[in-house]
């Protein structure tokens, strides 16, 4: 019998309190439905909860490093030896919601930003996960993402996969 949503959220909160850093392999797939295009990037993700910094090191198909720090993003493209900088002041809420979804986020904040529901239990790479569906409450967020599926490991109570559905049918998956 799967745990009830309240217990899942409670365990995610406990996990969030103890989380200091995250280091994980990352696979990011973007699917554009209209032209039946699928692109996948792989690398590593590093996250420090103290100052909420995210470093993503993409190794395939083309190397690049992305650093999210405060309200800025820096993308280093080694092939052309260039750094692109982006000011994310106005999008900082969206960036945090999408990249840090379930990583040390208090579930009260998730409940404030999304309608949450438990969908099912699913095996994912040999790990039993609770699949949650999140529907954004804010129109600004819903204009970017209509719903999110979040697979939470029932061992670590951290997300192991996220699927973001966009208006028009396109989606992207982060594992």
Protein backbone atom coordinates (compact mmCIF):
# COMPACT_ATOMS: atom_id res chain seq x y z
CA UNK A 1 0.00 0.00 0.00
CA UNK A 2 1.55 3.36 -1.00
CA UNK A 3 2.01 5.99 1.70
CA UNK A 4 -0.59 8.79 1.78
CA UNK A 5 0.33 12.21 0.31
CA UNK A 6 0.63 13.76 3.80
CA UNK A 7 3.24 11.16 4.80
CA UNK A 8 5.18 11.61 1.52
CA UNK A 9 5.30 15.39 2.06
CA UNK A 10 6.28 14.95 5.71
CA UNK A 11 9.18 12.64 4.75
CA UNK A 12 10.26 15.08 1.99
CA UNK A 13 10.38 17.83 4.65
CA UNK A 14 12.55 15.66 6.93
CA UNK A 15 14.88 14.93 4.03
CA UNK A 16 15.01 18.66 3.13
CA UNK A 17 16.12 19.61 6.67
CA UNK A 18 19.16 17.33 6.45
CA UNK A 19 20.12 18.20 2.88
CA UNK A 20 23.35 20.22 2.55
CA UNK A 21 24.61 19.32 -0.92
CA UNK A 22 23.52 17.22 -3.87
CA UNK A 23 25.73 15.68 -6.52
CA UNK A 24 24.08 13.55 -9.19
CA UNK A 25 24.33 12.31 -12.73
CA UNK A 26 21.93 14.30 -14.90
CA UNK A 27 20.08 13.42 -18.07
CA UNK A 28 18.01 16.22 -19.56
CA UNK A 29 15.70 15.46 -22.50
CA UNK A 30 13.63 18.02 -24.38
CA UNK A 31 10.83 16.76 -26.64
CA UNK A 32 9.29 19.03 -29.27
CA UNK A 33 6.11 17.25 -30.28
CA UNK A 34 5.19 19.22 -33.43
CA UNK A 35 8.41 18.35 -35.27
CA UNK A 36 8.92 15.03 -33.42
CA UNK A 37 12.33 16.16 -32.17
CA UNK A 38 14.05 14.77 -29.08
CA UNK A 39 17.37 16.07 -27.79
CA UNK A 40 19.22 14.73 -24.76
CA UNK A 41 22.09 16.21 -22.80
CA UNK A 42 24.00 14.37 -20.07
CA UNK A 43 26.34 15.48 -17.33
CA UNK A 44 26.39 16.16 -13.59
CA UNK A 45 24.46 18.40 -11.27
CA UNK A 46 25.89 19.94 -8.09
CA UNK A 47 23.76 21.88 -5.62
CA UNK A 48 24.58 23.62 -2.33
CA UNK A 49 21.58 24.44 -0.15
CA UNK A 50 23.41 27.05 1.95
CA UNK A 51 23.60 29.68 -0.81
CA UNK A 52 21.29 27.89 -3.25
CA UNK A 53 23.94 27.58 -5.98
CA UNK A 54 23.45 25.14 -8.83
CA UNK A 55 26.26 24.01 -11.10
CA UNK A 56 25.40 21.86 -14.10
CA UNK A 57 28.25 20.35 -16.06
CA UNK A 58 27.02 19.02 -19.41
CA UNK A 59 29.45 16.61 -21.09
CA UNK A 60 27.40 15.28 -24.04
CA UNK A 61 26.61 16.00 -26.80
CA UNK A 62 28.57 19.25 -26.38
CA UNK A 63 30.42 20.37 -23.27
CA UNK A 64 29.10 23.36 -21.38
CA UNK A 65 28.90 24.49 -17.79
CA UNK A 66 25.94 26.37 -16.33
CA UNK A 67 26.13 28.15 -12.97
CA UNK A 68 23.06 29.58 -11.27
CA UNK A 69 24.12 31.94 -8.49
CA UNK A 70 21.77 34.40 -6.81
CA UNK A 71 19.74 35.90 -9.68
CA UNK A 72 22.29 35.25 -12.42
CA UNK A 73 23.10 32.44 -14.78
CA UNK A 74 26.49 32.00 -16.41
CA UNK A 75 26.98 29.55 -19.26
CA UNK A 76 30.56 28.64 -20.19
CA UNK A 77 30.96 27.24 -23.71
CA UNK A 78 34.48 25.76 -23.90
CA UNK A 79 34.32 25.08 -27.64
CA UNK A 80 34.27 28.83 -28.36
CA UNK A 81 35.84 29.81 -25.00
CA UNK A 82 32.98 32.15 -24.14
CA UNK A 83 30.85 32.92 -21.10
CA UNK A 84 27.27 34.08 -21.60
CA UNK A 85 25.66 35.88 -18.67
CA UNK A 86 21.94 36.18 -17.99
CA UNK A 87 20.13 38.28 -15.42
CA UNK A 88 17.34 36.16 -13.95
CA UNK A 89 16.05 38.71 -11.43
CA UNK A 90 12.53 38.62 -12.88
CA UNK A 91 12.59 34.84 -13.43
CA UNK A 92 14.30 33.88 -10.17
CA UNK A 93 11.10 32.32 -8.83
CA UNK A 94 10.66 30.19 -11.94
CA UNK A 95 14.32 29.11 -12.00
CA UNK A 96 14.16 28.03 -8.37
CA UNK A 97 10.83 26.27 -8.85
CA UNK A 98 12.05 24.27 -11.83
CA UNK A 99 15.62 23.41 -10.84
CA UNK A 100 15.14 22.94 -7.13
CA UNK A 101 11.76 21.29 -7.19
CA UNK A 102 11.79 18.94 -4.22
CA UNK A 103 15.47 19.51 -3.36
CA UNK A 104 15.30 21.01 0.10
CA UNK A 105 12.08 22.85 -0.74
CA UNK A 106 9.69 22.98 2.20
CA UNK A 107 6.54 21.20 1.11
CA UNK A 108 4.46 24.09 2.52
CA UNK A 109 5.97 26.20 -0.27
CA UNK A 110 5.11 23.49 -2.81
CA UNK A 111 1.52 23.48 -1.51
CA UNK A 112 1.41 27.27 -1.83
CA UNK A 113 2.69 27.26 -5.43
CA UNK A 114 0.97 24.09 -6.72
CA UNK A 115 -2.07 21.90 -6.37
CA UNK A 116 -0.49 18.59 -5.35
CA UNK A 117 -1.79 15.08 -5.75
CA UNK A 118 -0.40 11.57 -5.43
CA UNK A 119 -0.75 9.69 -8.74
CA UNK A 120 0.77 6.24 -8.18
CA UNK A 121 3.82 4.29 -7.06
CA UNK A 122 6.28 3.45 -9.82
CA UNK A 123 9.52 1.52 -10.13
CA UNK A 124 12.26 3.69 -11.62
CA UNK A 125 15.74 2.18 -12.08
CA UNK A 126 15.02 -0.35 -9.32
CA UNK A 127 13.88 2.38 -6.91
CA UNK A 128 10.29 2.55 -5.63
CA UNK A 129 9.06 6.08 -6.23
CA UNK A 130 5.96 8.07 -5.38
CA UNK A 131 4.72 9.90 -8.48
CA UNK A 132 3.27 13.31 -7.61
CA UNK A 133 1.45 15.69 -9.96
CA UNK A 134 1.85 19.42 -9.44
CA UNK A 135 -0.45 21.93 -11.14
CA UNK A 136 0.84 25.53 -10.92
CA UNK A 137 -1.45 27.98 -9.12
CA UNK A 138 0.12 31.10 -10.65
CA UNK A 139 -0.82 32.13 -14.20
CA UNK A 140 2.77 33.27 -14.79
CA UNK A 141 4.09 29.77 -14.04
CA UNK A 142 1.23 28.06 -15.92
CA UNK A 143 2.15 30.08 -19.02
CA UNK A 144 5.53 28.26 -18.94
CA UNK A 145 4.54 24.87 -17.51
CA UNK A 146 1.01 23.43 -17.38
CA UNK A 147 1.85 20.59 -14.98
CA UNK A 148 4.81 18.78 -13.47
CA UNK A 149 5.27 15.11 -12.64
CA UNK A 150 7.70 14.54 -9.80
CA UNK A 151 9.05 11.06 -8.99
CA UNK A 152 10.24 10.97 -5.36
CA UNK A 153 12.41 8.09 -4.13
CA UNK A 154 10.76 6.30 -1.22
CA UNK A 155 14.25 5.60 0.13
CA UNK A 156 15.85 9.09 0.15
CA UNK A 157 12.61 11.12 -0.22
CA UNK A 158 14.38 13.25 -2.85
CA UNK A 159 13.29 13.66 -6.47
CA UNK A 160 14.84 11.25 -8.97
CA UNK A 161 12.94 12.44 -12.04
CA UNK A 162 10.92 15.48 -13.06
CA UNK A 163 8.76 15.94 -16.15
CA UNK A 164 7.65 19.43 -17.11
CA UNK A 165 4.68 19.72 -19.49
CA UNK A 166 4.55 22.92 -21.53
CA UNK A 167 1.59 24.59 -23.23
CA UNK A 168 1.28 23.13 -26.74
CA UNK A 169 2.35 19.61 -25.74
CA UNK A 170 6.16 19.90 -25.61
CA UNK A 171 7.86 18.61 -22.46
CA UNK A 172 11.23 18.08 -20.88
CA UNK A 173 12.45 15.45 -18.47
CA UNK A 174 15.26 15.79 -15.94
CA UNK A 175 16.60 12.58 -14.36
